[in-house]
N, C-alpha and C. Protein backbone atom coordinates (compact mmCIF):
# COMPACT_ATOMS: atom_id res chain seq x y z
N MET A 1 -106.57 136.52 16.80
CA MET A 1 -106.67 135.60 17.87
C MET A 1 -105.50 135.86 18.81
N ILE A 2 -105.69 136.17 20.35
CA ILE A 2 -104.52 135.76 21.20
C ILE A 2 -103.98 134.63 21.85
N ASN A 3 -103.43 133.23 21.53
CA ASN A 3 -103.49 132.47 21.99
C ASN A 3 -102.38 132.53 22.65
N ASN A 4 -101.51 132.97 24.10
CA ASN A 4 -100.92 133.17 24.77
C ASN A 4 -101.81 133.00 25.87
N LYS A 5 -102.29 131.96 26.81
CA LYS A 5 -102.74 131.80 28.02
C LYS A 5 -102.90 131.61 29.68
N THR A 6 -103.15 132.78 30.11
CA THR A 6 -102.64 133.03 31.41
C THR A 6 -103.12 132.35 32.57
N PHE A 7 -102.72 131.63 33.31
CA PHE A 7 -103.04 131.62 34.12
C PHE A 7 -103.57 132.09 35.80
N THR A 8 -103.73 132.40 37.17
CA THR A 8 -104.25 132.96 38.58
C THR A 8 -103.15 131.64 39.34
N VAL A 9 -103.06 132.16 40.93
CA VAL A 9 -102.96 131.46 41.44
C VAL A 9 -103.85 129.69 41.69
N ALA A 10 -105.26 130.20 41.64
CA ALA A 10 -105.55 129.54 41.67
C ALA A 10 -105.87 128.45 40.69
N GLU A 11 -105.83 129.12 39.32
CA GLU A 11 -106.15 128.26 38.78
C GLU A 11 -104.90 127.37 37.67
N ALA A 12 -103.56 128.15 38.02
CA ALA A 12 -102.09 126.98 38.17
C ALA A 12 -102.35 126.01 39.43
N ALA A 13 -103.35 126.23 40.68
CA ALA A 13 -103.58 124.86 41.37
C ALA A 13 -103.74 124.17 40.74
N GLU A 14 -104.86 124.54 40.41
CA GLU A 14 -106.15 123.43 39.41
C GLU A 14 -105.78 122.46 38.83
N TYR A 15 -104.87 123.64 37.67
CA TYR A 15 -104.10 122.41 36.48
C TYR A 15 -103.55 121.34 36.37
N ILE A 16 -102.44 122.23 37.43
CA ILE A 16 -101.12 121.11 37.25
C ILE A 16 -101.82 120.42 38.55
N GLY A 17 -103.34 120.13 39.58
CA GLY A 17 -103.78 119.25 40.56
C GLY A 17 -102.80 119.72 41.87
N VAL A 18 -102.56 120.76 42.33
CA VAL A 18 -101.92 120.83 43.07
C VAL A 18 -103.42 121.93 44.16
N CYS A 19 -102.28 121.93 45.55
CA CYS A 19 -103.47 123.87 46.58
C CYS A 19 -102.87 124.73 45.95
N ARG A 20 -103.42 125.74 46.65
CA ARG A 20 -102.91 127.08 46.32
C ARG A 20 -101.65 127.61 47.08
N GLU A 21 -101.63 126.42 47.66
CA GLU A 21 -99.63 127.02 49.27
C GLU A 21 -98.82 126.00 48.84
N THR A 22 -99.27 125.25 47.75
CA THR A 22 -98.50 124.07 46.65
C THR A 22 -97.45 125.46 45.65
N VAL A 23 -98.57 126.10 44.63
CA VAL A 23 -98.04 127.01 43.59
C VAL A 23 -97.09 127.89 44.41
N TYR A 24 -97.55 128.92 45.35
CA TYR A 24 -96.83 129.59 46.34
C TYR A 24 -95.50 129.38 46.72
N ARG A 25 -95.35 127.82 46.94
CA ARG A 25 -93.62 127.65 47.73
C ARG A 25 -93.60 128.01 46.28
N MET A 26 -93.93 126.68 45.39
CA MET A 26 -93.46 126.14 44.82
C MET A 26 -91.88 127.47 42.95
N VAL A 27 -93.36 128.52 43.94
CA VAL A 27 -92.67 129.92 43.10
C VAL A 27 -91.58 130.49 43.72
N ARG A 28 -91.94 131.00 44.76
CA ARG A 28 -90.67 130.55 45.95
C ARG A 28 -88.97 129.95 46.62
N ASN A 29 -89.73 129.08 45.67
CA ASN A 29 -88.42 128.11 45.64
C ASN A 29 -87.83 128.03 43.75
N GLY A 30 -88.22 128.61 43.37
CA GLY A 30 -87.82 129.52 41.73
C GLY A 30 -88.12 127.42 40.94
N ASP A 31 -89.13 126.49 41.37
CA ASP A 31 -89.24 125.52 40.66
C ASP A 31 -89.87 125.96 39.33
N LEU A 32 -90.46 126.78 39.45
CA LEU A 32 -92.11 127.51 39.40
C LEU A 32 -92.09 128.92 38.38
N LYS A 33 -91.83 128.72 37.26
CA LYS A 33 -91.78 130.22 36.99
C LYS A 33 -92.55 131.45 36.91
N ALA A 34 -92.62 132.74 37.30
CA ALA A 34 -94.04 132.49 37.36
C ALA A 34 -93.71 134.13 36.65
N ILE A 35 -95.15 135.47 36.66
CA ILE A 35 -94.74 136.68 35.52
C ILE A 35 -95.72 137.13 37.30
N ARG A 36 -95.00 138.54 38.40
CA ARG A 36 -95.67 139.31 38.92
C ARG A 36 -95.99 140.35 37.75
N VAL A 37 -97.33 140.84 38.13
CA VAL A 37 -97.65 141.98 37.47
C VAL A 37 -98.36 143.24 38.33
N GLY A 38 -98.89 144.41 38.35
CA GLY A 38 -99.35 144.88 39.64
C GLY A 38 -98.14 145.43 40.75
N ILE A 39 -99.28 146.36 41.21
CA ILE A 39 -98.75 147.43 42.11
C ILE A 39 -97.67 146.23 43.11
N ASN A 40 -96.42 146.24 42.70
CA ASN A 40 -95.69 145.59 43.78
C ASN A 40 -95.60 144.16 44.11
N GLY A 41 -95.68 144.57 42.08
CA GLY A 41 -96.33 142.73 41.93
C GLY A 41 -97.49 141.50 42.06
N ARG A 42 -97.40 141.34 43.19
CA ARG A 42 -98.33 141.28 44.43
C ARG A 42 -98.76 140.17 42.88
N LYS A 43 -100.25 140.27 42.19
CA LYS A 43 -100.84 139.53 41.46
C LYS A 43 -99.40 138.39 40.67
N ILE A 44 -99.13 137.15 40.76
CA ILE A 44 -98.95 136.39 39.88
C ILE A 44 -99.84 135.79 38.80
N LEU A 45 -99.50 135.40 37.86
CA LEU A 45 -99.97 134.81 36.55
C LEU A 45 -99.00 133.72 36.28
N PHE A 46 -98.83 133.38 35.59
CA PHE A 46 -98.43 131.50 34.60
C PHE A 46 -98.60 131.87 33.33
N ARG A 47 -98.07 131.12 32.29
CA ARG A 47 -98.33 131.34 31.34
C ARG A 47 -98.60 129.79 31.39
N LYS A 48 -99.30 128.89 29.95
CA LYS A 48 -100.21 127.74 30.19
C LYS A 48 -98.76 126.69 29.53
N THR A 49 -98.06 127.35 29.33
CA THR A 49 -96.64 126.91 28.53
C THR A 49 -96.13 126.41 29.46
N SER A 50 -95.75 127.50 30.18
CA SER A 50 -94.62 127.61 31.19
C SER A 50 -94.85 125.87 32.20
N LEU A 51 -96.39 126.18 32.38
CA LEU A 51 -97.43 124.99 33.23
C LEU A 51 -97.43 124.29 32.88
N ASP A 52 -97.13 123.11 31.13
CA ASP A 52 -96.95 122.51 30.25
C ASP A 52 -95.89 122.17 30.45
N ARG A 53 -94.64 122.80 30.56
CA ARG A 53 -93.31 122.40 30.41
C ARG A 53 -92.52 121.90 31.66
N TRP A 54 -93.31 121.97 33.06
CA TRP A 54 -93.23 122.08 33.70
C TRP A 54 -94.01 119.88 34.79
N MET A 55 -94.74 119.90 34.13
CA MET A 55 -95.55 118.73 34.09
C MET A 55 -94.95 117.27 33.01
N ASP A 56 -94.24 118.24 32.16
CA ASP A 56 -93.84 117.45 31.21
C ASP A 56 -92.30 117.21 31.88
N ALA A 57 -91.35 117.90 32.67
CA ALA A 57 -90.59 117.82 33.11
C ALA A 57 -90.76 116.36 34.87
N GLN A 58 -91.83 116.15 35.23
CA GLN A 58 -92.07 115.37 36.18
C GLN A 58 -92.53 114.58 35.90
N GLU A 59 -93.11 114.56 34.50
CA GLU A 59 -93.21 112.64 33.27
C GLU A 59 -92.30 112.35 33.47
N GLY A 60 -90.72 113.22 33.14
CA GLY A 60 -89.59 112.44 32.75
C GLY A 60 -89.26 112.27 34.13
N ILE A 61 -89.16 112.75 35.63
CA ILE A 61 -89.08 112.47 36.60
C ILE A 61 -89.05 111.00 36.83
N VAL A 62 -90.46 110.78 36.45
CA VAL A 62 -91.54 109.84 36.82
C VAL A 62 -91.03 108.35 36.37
N ASP A 63 -90.44 108.15 34.93
CA ASP A 63 -90.72 107.98 34.16
C ASP A 63 -89.32 107.08 33.93
N ASN A 64 -88.55 108.16 35.27
CA ASN A 64 -87.05 107.51 35.41
C ASN A 64 -86.89 106.57 36.53
N VAL A 65 -87.52 106.89 37.69
CA VAL A 65 -87.91 105.95 38.62
C VAL A 65 -88.95 105.04 37.83
N ILE A 66 -89.01 104.74 37.22
CA ILE A 66 -90.25 103.76 36.75
C ILE A 66 -89.51 102.70 35.58
N HIS A 67 -88.23 103.58 35.41
CA HIS A 67 -87.48 102.97 34.71
C HIS A 67 -86.55 101.59 35.68
N LEU A 68 -86.19 102.91 36.03
CA LEU A 68 -84.88 102.12 37.82
C LEU A 68 -85.39 101.12 38.16
N GLY A 69 -86.80 100.78 37.82
CA GLY A 69 -87.51 99.67 38.83
C GLY A 69 -86.99 100.40 40.15
N ALA A 70 -88.25 101.46 40.19
CA ALA A 70 -88.99 102.15 41.94
C ALA A 70 -90.06 101.35 41.88
N PRO A 71 -90.40 100.69 43.28
CA PRO A 71 -91.86 100.55 43.02
C PRO A 71 -92.26 102.38 43.59
N ILE A 72 -93.30 101.89 42.81
CA ILE A 72 -94.22 103.29 42.86
C ILE A 72 -95.93 102.81 43.98
N ARG A 73 -95.65 103.79 44.75
CA ARG A 73 -97.05 103.53 46.11
C ARG A 73 -98.15 104.36 46.02
N ARG A 74 -99.31 103.69 45.13
CA ARG A 74 -100.64 104.39 45.16
C ARG A 74 -101.76 104.56 45.82
N ALA A 75 -102.32 105.60 46.15
CA ALA A 75 -102.99 105.20 47.57
C ALA A 75 -104.14 104.67 47.29
N LEU A 76 -104.15 103.76 47.61
CA LEU A 76 -105.90 102.56 47.83
C LEU A 76 -106.86 103.50 48.54
């Protein structure tokens, strides 16, 4: 059984909780690793492990902000 799950842009966006446009921007900026397949690499796929690593890194950023005593703003 293959466990290397891949996600489309829409699935990746839903998985990490952002919109599709944000995912495209993150790929363009090099913030999120992607696999390009198909004719001219038009289809973009993401490994679940890459998305998980990105989310882990974001947790580290938030943890550092909390540790430094900066307040976190929450939407009401």
